[in-house]
Amino acid sequence: MRFIKSYILTCLLILTIALTATAQEKRALFVGISNYPENSGFGKIHGANDFEIVGKILNNQGFNTTKLLNNQATAANIRSEIKNLVTNSVKASYVYIHFSCHGQPVEDLPPIDEDDLWDESVVAYDAKIKYQSGVYEGENHILDDELFVYFNQIREKIGENGLLCVVIDACHSGTSSRDEIEENDVVRGTKLGFSESGKIFAPRINTKSNFQIEKKSGLGDIVILEACRSYQFNKEVFKDGKYYGSLSYYVSKVIEKQNIAKNLDWILKVRELMSEDGTLTNQNMVYEASF
């Protein structure tokens, strides 16, 4: 009898260790900026508010979440925390990265890799809207080229059973006319391109709302949600007495009922809710996915 009890306890211990070792790890990084420095040139938005509605849901879904809000969200801190995600991610884990901030197009420099000759960027707290030689030369703009290097490193770490989800509630441009913007609208982003040469930014009109990311052997799946097309403004929404990012708000409404998962169901639901919001005229959510 003593042997049987010992055997059962040993089996339970082995099972517990196995379940712990194979438990899915979930890590998240949330970047939210409302108040940029006055000398930055970037206007006030409400990116930090978005953490109030998204952060608690991430925690409920089991994500270990790091947040960088307002003056915490410097370029150095953002890069450091993304590198931590690269270092600490393990096989089959889910990684979630959320940007609620300004975005800005940045002139693409050699070697040129953009068809329209402009990179996209997320604007850190310590970035400035204009190039000034010897003062600010764009080092705190985090370009899409840099982000995709990090994303691929994370995908390598999480492997084919993992998922990287990126939400970008920013705006990289906007149309040349503000006719569709009402007086009380709050928009994220700027029409002004960041250019060393003084080049004028003209947004490329691409009406596609979803793109396929190549699925590669050994890499985890990835999905990127963006608040609007490259030539559109990203409007905030006013709900329950506060402004929130439109994409962040509707992501929160969906994921409070559905888990972040490796399928398009919840993503298409976000798009549906945004399209039904009458305040979000001339704004189309875009997603890129490997599945």
C-alpha atoms as a PDB file:
ATOM      1  CA  MET A   1       0.000   0.000   0.000  1.00  0.00           C
ATOM      2  CA  ARG A   2       2.827   2.382   0.897  1.00  0.00           C
ATOM      3  CA  PHE A   3       4.448   1.625  -2.481  1.00  0.00           C
ATOM      4  CA  ILE A   4       1.191   2.381  -4.342  1.00  0.00           C
ATOM      5  CA  LYS A   5       0.784   5.717  -2.541  1.00  0.00           C
ATOM      6  CA  SER A   6       4.365   6.616  -3.302  1.00  0.00           C
ATOM      7  CA  TYR A   7       3.898   5.682  -6.941  1.00  0.00           C
ATOM      8  CA  ILE A   8       0.736   7.785  -7.249  1.00  0.00           C
ATOM      9  CA  LEU A   9       2.417  10.791  -5.631  1.00  0.00           C
ATOM     10  CA  THR A  10       5.386  10.449  -7.965  1.00  0.00           C
ATOM     11  CA  CYS A  11       3.076  10.305 -11.002  1.00  0.00           C
ATOM     12  CA  LEU A  12       1.178  13.386  -9.812  1.00  0.00           C
ATOM     13  CA  LEU A  13       4.450  15.244  -9.297  1.00  0.00           C
ATOM     14  CA  ILE A  14       5.667  14.346 -12.789  1.00  0.00           C
ATOM     15  CA  LEU A  15       2.312  15.404 -14.282  1.00  0.00           C
ATOM     16  CA  THR A  16       2.409  18.725 -12.406  1.00  0.00           C
ATOM     17  CA  ILE A  17       5.946  19.440 -13.618  1.00  0.00           C
ATOM     18  CA  ALA A  18       4.983  18.558 -17.189  1.00  0.00           C
ATOM     19  CA  LEU A  19       1.910  20.775 -17.142  1.00  0.00           C
ATOM     20  CA  THR A  20       3.912  23.652 -15.676  1.00  0.00           C
ATOM     21  CA  ALA A  21       6.645  23.270 -18.292  1.00  0.00           C
ATOM     22  CA  THR A  22       4.155  23.231 -21.149  1.00  0.00           C
ATOM     23  CA  ALA A  23       1.875  25.984 -19.828  1.00  0.00           C
ATOM     24  CA  GLN A  24       1.453  28.727 -22.367  1.00  0.00           C
ATOM     25  CA  GLU A  25       3.287  31.883 -21.393  1.00  0.00           C
ATOM     26  CA  LYS A  26       1.736  35.236 -22.240  1.00  0.00           C
ATOM     27  CA  ARG A  27       3.671  38.509 -22.233  1.00  0.00           C
ATOM     28  CA  ALA A  28       2.486  41.973 -23.220  1.00  0.00           C
ATOM     29  CA  LEU A  29       3.940  45.443 -23.685  1.00  0.00           C
ATOM     30  CA  PHE A  30       1.666  48.482 -23.710  1.00  0.00           C
ATOM     31  CA  VAL A  31       2.925  51.896 -24.871  1.00  0.00           C
ATOM     32  CA  GLY A  32       0.498  54.771 -24.296  1.00  0.00           C
ATOM     33  CA  ILE A  33       1.267  58.473 -24.678  1.00  0.00           C
ATOM     34  CA  SER A  34      -1.158  61.339 -24.109  1.00  0.00           C
ATOM     35  CA  ASN A  35       1.051  64.318 -23.306  1.00  0.00           C
ATOM     36  CA  TYR A  36       4.103  64.933 -25.475  1.00  0.00           C
ATOM     37  CA  PRO A  37       6.507  67.730 -24.423  1.00  0.00           C
ATOM     38  CA  GLU A  38       5.406  71.152 -25.620  1.00  0.00           C
ATOM     39  CA  ASN A  39       8.569  71.600 -27.683  1.00  0.00           C
ATOM     40  CA  SER A  40       8.047  68.303 -29.512  1.00  0.00           C
ATOM     41  CA  GLY A  41       5.511  69.738 -31.962  1.00  0.00           C
ATOM     42  CA  PHE A  42       3.091  66.876 -31.321  1.00  0.00           C
ATOM     43  CA  GLY A  43      -0.367  67.717 -30.008  1.00  0.00           C
ATOM     44  CA  LYS A  44      -2.180  66.226 -27.021  1.00  0.00           C
ATOM     45  CA  ILE A  45      -3.983  62.939 -27.541  1.00  0.00           C
ATOM     46  CA  HIS A  46      -5.237  60.330 -25.058  1.00  0.00           C
ATOM     47  CA  GLY A  47      -3.058  57.279 -25.636  1.00  0.00           C
ATOM     48  CA  ALA A  48      -2.480  56.636 -21.929  1.00  0.00           C
ATOM     49  CA  ASN A  49      -6.251  56.302 -21.406  1.00  0.00           C
ATOM     50  CA  ASP A  50      -6.229  53.224 -23.615  1.00  0.00           C
ATOM     51  CA  PHE A  51      -4.378  51.217 -20.995  1.00  0.00           C
ATOM     52  CA  GLU A  52      -7.332  51.639 -18.629  1.00  0.00           C
ATOM     53  CA  ILE A  53      -9.577  49.635 -20.957  1.00  0.00           C
ATOM     54  CA  VAL A  54      -7.061  47.206 -22.502  1.00  0.00           C
ATOM     55  CA  GLY A  55      -4.643  46.532 -19.644  1.00  0.00           C
ATOM     56  CA  LYS A  56      -7.117  44.924 -17.246  1.00  0.00           C
ATOM     57  CA  ILE A  57      -8.402  42.610 -19.990  1.00  0.00           C
ATOM     58  CA  LEU A  58      -4.867  41.506 -20.834  1.00  0.00           C
ATOM     59  CA  ASN A  59      -4.349  40.691 -17.164  1.00  0.00           C
ATOM     60  CA  ASN A  60      -7.626  38.750 -17.080  1.00  0.00           C
ATOM     61  CA  GLN A  61      -6.404  36.726 -20.062  1.00  0.00           C
ATOM     62  CA  GLY A  62      -3.221  35.819 -18.206  1.00  0.00           C
ATOM     63  CA  PHE A  63      -0.757  38.211 -19.821  1.00  0.00           C
ATOM     64  CA  ASN A  64       2.219  39.429 -17.801  1.00  0.00           C
ATOM     65  CA  THR A  65       1.980  43.064 -18.870  1.00  0.00           C
ATOM     66  CA  THR A  66       4.569  45.841 -18.844  1.00  0.00           C
ATOM     67  CA  LYS A  67       3.283  49.365 -19.410  1.00  0.00           C
ATOM     68  CA  LEU A  68       5.108  52.501 -20.544  1.00  0.00           C
ATOM     69  CA  LEU A  69       2.887  55.560 -20.168  1.00  0.00           C
ATOM     70  CA  ASN A  70       3.633  59.179 -21.098  1.00  0.00           C
ATOM     71  CA  ASN A  71       7.168  60.177 -20.051  1.00  0.00           C
ATOM     72  CA  GLN A  72       8.046  56.516 -19.376  1.00  0.00           C
ATOM     73  CA  ALA A  73       7.584  55.825 -23.087  1.00  0.00           C
ATOM     74  CA  THR A  74      10.945  57.125 -24.281  1.00  0.00           C
ATOM     75  CA  ALA A  75      12.541  55.533 -27.311  1.00  0.00           C
ATOM     76  CA  ALA A  76      15.202  53.933 -25.118  1.00  0.00           C
ATOM     77  CA  ASN A  77      12.610  52.396 -22.791  1.00  0.00           C
ATOM     78  CA  ILE A  78      10.446  51.134 -25.653  1.00  0.00           C
ATOM     79  CA  ARG A  79      13.425  49.513 -27.364  1.00  0.00           C
ATOM     80  CA  SER A  80      14.611  48.025 -24.078  1.00  0.00           C
ATOM     81  CA  GLU A  81      11.234  46.463 -23.270  1.00  0.00           C
ATOM     82  CA  ILE A  82      10.824  45.030 -26.781  1.00  0.00           C
ATOM     83  CA  LYS A  83      14.288  43.489 -26.463  1.00  0.00           C
ATOM     84  CA  ASN A  84      13.168  42.009 -23.137  1.00  0.00           C
ATOM     85  CA  LEU A  85      10.281  40.379 -24.968  1.00  0.00           C
ATOM     86  CA  VAL A  86      12.751  38.918 -27.459  1.00  0.00           C
ATOM     87  CA  THR A  87      14.951  37.596 -24.636  1.00  0.00           C
ATOM     88  CA  ASN A  88      12.185  36.199 -22.442  1.00  0.00           C
ATOM     89  CA  SER A  89       9.805  34.725 -25.008  1.00  0.00           C
ATOM     90  CA  VAL A  90       9.671  30.939 -25.154  1.00  0.00           C
ATOM     91  CA  LYS A  91       8.235  28.352 -27.499  1.00  0.00           C
ATOM     92  CA  ALA A  92       4.455  28.350 -27.973  1.00  0.00           C
ATOM     93  CA  SER A  93       4.014  31.619 -26.055  1.00  0.00           C
ATOM     94  CA  TYR A  94       1.685  34.472 -26.967  1.00  0.00           C
ATOM     95  CA  VAL A  95       3.160  37.977 -27.167  1.00  0.00           C
ATOM     96  CA  TYR A  96       1.056  41.143 -27.403  1.00  0.00           C
ATOM     97  CA  ILE A  97       2.430  44.622 -28.214  1.00  0.00           C
ATOM     98  CA  HIS A  98       0.202  47.711 -28.208  1.00  0.00           C
ATOM     99  CA  PHE A  99       1.111  51.228 -29.366  1.00  0.00           C
ATOM    100  CA  SER A 100      -1.266  54.090 -28.522  1.00  0.00           C
ATOM    101  CA  CYS A 101       0.597  57.192 -29.610  1.00  0.00           C
ATOM    102  CA  HIS A 102       1.326  59.459 -32.533  1.00  0.00           C
ATOM    103  CA  GLY A 103       2.738  58.072 -35.754  1.00  0.00           C
ATOM    104  CA  GLN A 104       4.644  59.873 -38.491  1.00  0.00           C
ATOM    105  CA  PRO A 105       5.979  59.092 -41.980  1.00  0.00           C
ATOM    106  CA  VAL A 106       9.766  59.324 -42.175  1.00  0.00           C
ATOM    107  CA  GLU A 107      11.704  59.832 -45.400  1.00  0.00           C
ATOM    108  CA  ASP A 108      13.228  56.520 -46.473  1.00  0.00           C
ATOM    109  CA  LEU A 109      16.998  56.736 -46.793  1.00  0.00           C
ATOM    110  CA  PRO A 110      19.344  54.394 -48.722  1.00  0.00           C
ATOM    111  CA  PRO A 111      19.110  51.462 -48.958  1.00  0.00           C
ATOM    112  CA  ILE A 112      15.566  52.308 -50.083  1.00  0.00           C
ATOM    113  CA  ASP A 113      13.009  49.612 -49.260  1.00  0.00           C
ATOM    114  CA  GLU A 114       9.678  51.454 -49.515  1.00  0.00           C
ATOM    115  CA  ASP A 115       7.747  51.848 -52.774  1.00  0.00           C
ATOM    116  CA  ASP A 116       6.479  55.289 -51.777  1.00  0.00           C
ATOM    117  CA  LEU A 117       9.924  56.314 -50.407  1.00  0.00           C
ATOM    118  CA  TRP A 118       8.568  56.833 -46.879  1.00  0.00           C
ATOM    119  CA  ASP A 119       8.953  54.653 -43.791  1.00  0.00           C
ATOM    120  CA  GLU A 120       6.294  54.545 -41.102  1.00  0.00           C
ATOM    121  CA  SER A 121       7.152  55.155 -37.470  1.00  0.00           C
ATOM    122  CA  VAL A 122       5.721  55.190 -33.991  1.00  0.00           C
ATOM    123  CA  VAL A 123       6.590  58.402 -32.180  1.00  0.00           C
ATOM    124  CA  ALA A 124       8.207  57.977 -28.774  1.00  0.00           C
ATOM    125  CA  TYR A 125       7.742  60.533 -25.984  1.00  0.00           C
ATOM    126  CA  ASP A 126      11.130  62.131 -26.639  1.00  0.00           C
ATOM    127  CA  ALA A 127      10.766  62.497 -30.425  1.00  0.00           C
ATOM    128  CA  LYS A 128      10.290  65.791 -32.244  1.00  0.00           C
ATOM    129  CA  ILE A 129       8.122  66.509 -35.240  1.00  0.00           C
ATOM    130  CA  LYS A 130      10.787  68.241 -37.367  1.00  0.00           C
ATOM    131  CA  TYR A 131      14.334  67.392 -38.383  1.00  0.00           C
ATOM    132  CA  GLN A 132      16.983  69.765 -36.997  1.00  0.00           C
ATOM    133  CA  SER A 133      20.568  69.004 -37.888  1.00  0.00           C
ATOM    134  CA  GLY A 134      22.649  68.448 -34.772  1.00  0.00           C
ATOM    135  CA  VAL A 135      19.603  68.908 -32.530  1.00  0.00           C
ATOM    136  CA  TYR A 136      17.179  66.145 -33.417  1.00  0.00           C
ATOM    137  CA  GLU A 137      17.748  63.854 -36.389  1.00  0.00           C
ATOM    138  CA  GLY A 138      15.064  61.224 -35.907  1.00  0.00           C
ATOM    139  CA  GLU A 139      16.761  58.896 -33.427  1.00  0.00           C
ATOM    140  CA  ASN A 140      13.619  58.654 -31.267  1.00  0.00           C
ATOM    141  CA  HIS A 141      11.301  57.759 -34.111  1.00  0.00           C
ATOM    142  CA  ILE A 142      10.971  53.966 -34.112  1.00  0.00           C
ATOM    143  CA  LEU A 143      10.710  52.909 -37.748  1.00  0.00           C
ATOM    144  CA  ASP A 144       8.724  50.004 -39.131  1.00  0.00           C
ATOM    145  CA  ASP A 145      12.005  48.561 -40.449  1.00  0.00           C
ATOM    146  CA  GLU A 146      13.353  48.341 -36.896  1.00  0.00           C
ATOM    147  CA  LEU A 147      10.114  46.969 -35.496  1.00  0.00           C
ATOM    148  CA  PHE A 148       9.978  44.168 -38.045  1.00  0.00           C
ATOM    149  CA  VAL A 149      13.473  43.049 -37.049  1.00  0.00           C
ATOM    150  CA  TYR A 150      12.224  42.735 -33.455  1.00  0.00           C
ATOM    151  CA  PHE A 151       9.008  41.061 -34.593  1.00  0.00           C
ATOM    152  CA  ASN A 152      10.899  38.403 -36.532  1.00  0.00           C
ATOM    153  CA  GLN A 153      13.185  37.780 -33.558  1.00  0.00           C
ATOM    154  CA  ILE A 154      10.130  37.240 -31.354  1.00  0.00           C
ATOM    155  CA  ARG A 155       8.568  34.930 -33.961  1.00  0.00           C
ATOM    156  CA  GLU A 156      11.740  32.847 -33.966  1.00  0.00           C
ATOM    157  CA  LYS A 157      11.612  32.517 -30.178  1.00  0.00           C
ATOM    158  CA  ILE A 158       7.920  31.585 -29.922  1.00  0.00           C
ATOM    159  CA  GLY A 159       8.023  29.071 -32.765  1.00  0.00           C
ATOM    160  CA  GLU A 160       5.207  27.762 -34.938  1.00  0.00           C
ATOM    161  CA  ASN A 161       2.798  27.257 -32.029  1.00  0.00           C
ATOM    162  CA  GLY A 162       3.176  30.823 -30.788  1.00  0.00           C
ATOM    163  CA  LEU A 163       1.450  34.067 -31.721  1.00  0.00           C
ATOM    164  CA  LEU A 164       2.638  37.678 -31.906  1.00  0.00           C
ATOM    165  CA  CYS A 165      -0.185  40.228 -31.935  1.00  0.00           C
ATOM    166  CA  VAL A 166       0.614  43.899 -32.544  1.00  0.00           C
ATOM    167  CA  VAL A 167      -1.954  46.715 -32.235  1.00  0.00           C
ATOM    168  CA  ILE A 168      -0.947  50.105 -33.638  1.00  0.00           C
ATOM    169  CA  ASP A 169      -3.459  52.754 -32.610  1.00  0.00           C
ATOM    170  CA  ALA A 170      -1.576  55.575 -34.276  1.00  0.00           C
ATOM    171  CA  CYS A 171      -1.740  57.354 -37.609  1.00  0.00           C
ATOM    172  CA  HIS A 172       1.130  57.748 -40.014  1.00  0.00           C
ATOM    173  CA  SER A 173      -0.266  60.443 -42.255  1.00  0.00           C
ATOM    174  CA  GLY A 174      -3.744  61.659 -43.156  1.00  0.00           C
ATOM    175  CA  THR A 175      -5.233  63.237 -46.245  1.00  0.00           C
ATOM    176  CA  SER A 176      -4.181  66.643 -47.521  1.00  0.00           C
ATOM    177  CA  SER A 177      -7.608  68.013 -46.623  1.00  0.00           C
ATOM    178  CA  ARG A 178      -9.188  68.109 -43.181  1.00  0.00           C
ATOM    179  CA  ASP A 179     -12.734  68.562 -44.515  1.00  0.00           C
ATOM    180  CA  GLU A 180     -13.895  65.335 -42.867  1.00  0.00           C
ATOM    181  CA  ILE A 181     -12.532  66.372 -39.433  1.00  0.00           C
ATOM    182  CA  GLU A 182     -14.999  68.071 -37.090  1.00  0.00           C
ATOM    183  CA  GLU A 183     -14.005  70.822 -34.660  1.00  0.00           C
ATOM    184  CA  ASN A 184     -14.057  68.536 -31.602  1.00  0.00           C
ATOM    185  CA  ASP A 185     -12.348  65.572 -33.251  1.00  0.00           C
ATOM    186  CA  VAL A 186      -9.071  64.391 -31.752  1.00  0.00           C
ATOM    187  CA  VAL A 187      -6.796  62.689 -34.280  1.00  0.00           C
ATOM    188  CA  ARG A 188      -3.524  60.852 -33.908  1.00  0.00           C
ATOM    189  CA  GLY A 189      -0.648  61.446 -36.294  1.00  0.00           C
ATOM    190  CA  THR A 190       0.408  64.250 -38.573  1.00  0.00           C
ATOM    191  CA  LYS A 191       0.395  65.158 -42.254  1.00  0.00           C
ATOM    192  CA  LEU A 192       3.950  66.449 -41.879  1.00  0.00           C
ATOM    193  CA  GLY A 193       6.602  64.007 -43.010  1.00  0.00           C
ATOM    194  CA  PHE A 194       9.870  63.823 -41.082  1.00  0.00           C
ATOM    195  CA  SER A 195      12.500  64.623 -43.683  1.00  0.00           C
ATOM    196  CA  GLU A 196      16.159  65.590 -43.560  1.00  0.00           C
ATOM    197  CA  SER A 197      15.948  67.012 -47.075  1.00  0.00           C
ATOM    198  CA  GLY A 198      12.705  68.927 -46.551  1.00  0.00           C
ATOM    199  CA  LYS A 199      10.787  66.567 -48.834  1.00  0.00           C
ATOM    200  CA  ILE A 200       7.018  67.048 -48.828  1.00  0.00           C
ATOM    201  CA  PHE A 201       5.045  63.963 -47.846  1.00  0.00           C
ATOM    202  CA  ALA A 202       2.231  62.853 -50.135  1.00  0.00           C
ATOM    203  CA  PRO A 203       0.372  59.761 -48.878  1.00  0.00           C
ATOM    204  CA  ARG A 204      -0.013  56.806 -51.216  1.00  0.00           C
ATOM    205  CA  ILE A 205      -3.630  55.855 -51.834  1.00  0.00           C
ATOM    206  CA  ASN A 206      -4.008  52.146 -51.223  1.00  0.00           C
ATOM    207  CA  THR A 207      -7.532  50.999 -50.460  1.00  0.00           C
ATOM    208  CA  LYS A 208      -6.636  47.464 -49.383  1.00  0.00           C
ATOM    209  CA  SER A 209      -7.670  46.660 -45.848  1.00  0.00           C
ATOM    210  CA  ASN A 210      -5.847  43.390 -45.300  1.00  0.00           C
ATOM    211  CA  PHE A 211      -2.444  42.030 -46.280  1.00  0.00           C
ATOM    212  CA  GLN A 212      -0.826  38.617 -46.125  1.00  0.00           C
ATOM    213  CA  ILE A 213       2.400  38.218 -44.171  1.00  0.00           C
ATOM    214  CA  GLU A 214       4.534  35.314 -45.330  1.00  0.00           C
ATOM    215  CA  LYS A 215       4.264  32.238 -43.142  1.00  0.00           C
ATOM    216  CA  LYS A 216       7.711  30.687 -42.680  1.00  0.00           C
ATOM    217  CA  SER A 217       8.736  27.357 -41.238  1.00  0.00           C
ATOM    218  CA  GLY A 218       9.850  27.656 -37.623  1.00  0.00           C
ATOM    219  CA  LEU A 219       8.381  31.143 -37.117  1.00  0.00           C
ATOM    220  CA  GLY A 220       5.374  31.978 -34.985  1.00  0.00           C
ATOM    221  CA  ASP A 221       2.268  33.483 -36.516  1.00  0.00           C
ATOM    222  CA  ILE A 222       1.839  37.248 -36.479  1.00  0.00           C
ATOM    223  CA  VAL A 223      -1.097  39.615 -36.823  1.00  0.00           C
ATOM    224  CA  ILE A 224      -0.843  43.409 -36.919  1.00  0.00           C
ATOM    225  CA  LEU A 225      -3.920  45.615 -36.451  1.00  0.00           C
ATOM    226  CA  GLU A 226      -3.700  49.221 -37.625  1.00  0.00           C
ATOM    227  CA  ALA A 227      -6.283  51.908 -36.924  1.00  0.00           C
ATOM    228  CA  CYS A 228      -6.617  53.217 -40.475  1.00  0.00           C
ATOM    229  CA  ARG A 229      -5.232  53.158 -43.991  1.00  0.00           C
ATOM    230  CA  SER A 230      -2.037  55.086 -44.647  1.00  0.00           C
ATOM    231  CA  TYR A 231      -3.786  58.111 -46.163  1.00  0.00           C
ATOM    232  CA  GLN A 232      -6.483  58.428 -43.485  1.00  0.00           C
ATOM    233  CA  PHE A 233      -6.738  60.139 -40.125  1.00  0.00           C
ATOM    234  CA  ASN A 234      -7.140  58.037 -36.987  1.00  0.00           C
ATOM    235  CA  LYS A 235      -9.896  59.597 -34.907  1.00  0.00           C
ATOM    236  CA  GLU A 236     -10.307  59.039 -31.217  1.00  0.00           C
ATOM    237  CA  VAL A 237     -13.724  58.123 -29.798  1.00  0.00           C
ATOM    238  CA  PHE A 238     -15.472  59.745 -26.827  1.00  0.00           C
ATOM    239  CA  LYS A 239     -16.990  57.079 -24.589  1.00  0.00           C
ATOM    240  CA  ASP A 240     -18.178  57.219 -20.973  1.00  0.00           C
ATOM    241  CA  GLY A 241     -16.794  60.726 -20.525  1.00  0.00           C
ATOM    242  CA  LYS A 242     -13.276  60.015 -21.853  1.00  0.00           C
ATOM    243  CA  TYR A 243     -11.379  59.939 -25.130  1.00  0.00           C
ATOM    244  CA  TYR A 244      -9.859  56.643 -26.248  1.00  0.00           C
ATOM    245  CA  GLY A 245      -8.132  55.443 -29.364  1.00  0.00           C
ATOM    246  CA  SER A 246     -10.772  54.099 -31.729  1.00  0.00           C
ATOM    247  CA  LEU A 247      -8.894  50.865 -32.406  1.00  0.00           C
ATOM    248  CA  SER A 248      -8.019  50.373 -28.732  1.00  0.00           C
ATOM    249  CA  TYR A 249     -11.624  50.914 -27.665  1.00  0.00           C
ATOM    250  CA  TYR A 250     -13.061  48.337 -30.029  1.00  0.00           C
ATOM    251  CA  VAL A 251     -10.231  45.858 -29.431  1.00  0.00           C
ATOM    252  CA  SER A 252     -11.133  46.062 -25.719  1.00  0.00           C
ATOM    253  CA  LYS A 253     -14.820  45.466 -26.464  1.00  0.00           C
ATOM    254  CA  VAL A 254     -14.009  42.321 -28.425  1.00  0.00           C
ATOM    255  CA  ILE A 255     -11.306  40.775 -26.243  1.00  0.00           C
ATOM    256  CA  GLU A 256     -13.334  41.178 -23.065  1.00  0.00           C
ATOM    257  CA  LYS A 257     -15.557  38.481 -24.599  1.00  0.00           C
ATOM    258  CA  GLN A 258     -13.139  36.595 -26.856  1.00  0.00           C
ATOM    259  CA  ASN A 259      -9.566  35.549 -26.127  1.00  0.00           C
ATOM    260  CA  ILE A 260      -6.771  36.826 -28.323  1.00  0.00           C
ATOM    261  CA  ALA A 261      -6.306  33.859 -30.611  1.00  0.00           C
ATOM    262  CA  LYS A 262      -4.698  32.629 -33.789  1.00  0.00           C
ATOM    263  CA  ASN A 263      -7.730  33.250 -35.996  1.00  0.00           C
ATOM    264  CA  LEU A 264      -9.442  36.089 -37.816  1.00  0.00           C
ATOM    265  CA  ASP A 265     -12.785  35.867 -36.002  1.00  0.00           C
ATOM    266  CA  TRP A 266     -12.017  38.384 -33.279  1.00  0.00           C
ATOM    267  CA  ILE A 267     -10.085  40.641 -35.663  1.00  0.00           C
ATOM    268  CA  LEU A 268     -12.989  40.861 -38.111  1.00  0.00           C
ATOM    269  CA  LYS A 269     -15.298  41.620 -35.189  1.00  0.00           C
ATOM    270  CA  VAL A 270     -13.129  44.620 -34.285  1.00  0.00           C
ATOM    271  CA  ARG A 271     -13.374  45.835 -37.877  1.00  0.00           C
ATOM    272  CA  GLU A 272     -17.146  45.340 -37.868  1.00  0.00           C
ATOM    273  CA  LEU A 273     -17.640  47.392 -34.718  1.00  0.00           C
ATOM    274  CA  MET A 274     -15.438  50.208 -36.014  1.00  0.00           C
ATOM    275  CA  SER A 275     -17.325  50.304 -39.311  1.00  0.00           C
ATOM    276  CA  GLU A 276     -20.629  50.603 -37.406  1.00  0.00           C
ATOM    277  CA  ASP A 277     -19.413  53.645 -35.443  1.00  0.00           C
ATOM    278  CA  GLY A 278     -20.852  56.669 -37.228  1.00  0.00           C
ATOM    279  CA  THR A 279     -18.146  58.971 -35.851  1.00  0.00           C
ATOM    280  CA  LEU A 280     -15.389  57.065 -37.663  1.00  0.00           C
ATOM    281  CA  THR A 281     -16.182  58.261 -41.180  1.00  0.00           C
ATOM    282  CA  ASN A 282     -13.484  57.766 -43.820  1.00  0.00           C
ATOM    283  CA  GLN A 283     -11.531  55.455 -41.523  1.00  0.00           C
ATOM    284  CA  ASN A 284     -10.892  51.789 -42.321  1.00  0.00           C
ATOM    285  CA  MET A 285      -9.102  49.391 -39.983  1.00  0.00           C
ATOM    286  CA  VAL A 286      -6.276  47.439 -41.633  1.00  0.00           C
ATOM    287  CA  TYR A 287      -4.822  44.106 -40.601  1.00  0.00           C
ATOM    288  CA  GLU A 288      -1.822  42.090 -41.719  1.00  0.00           C
ATOM    289  CA  ALA A 289      -1.657  38.417 -40.802  1.00  0.00           C
ATOM    290  CA  SER A 290       0.289  35.247 -41.498  1.00  0.00           C
ATOM    291  CA  PHE A 291      -2.858  33.107 -41.164  1.00  0.00           C
END
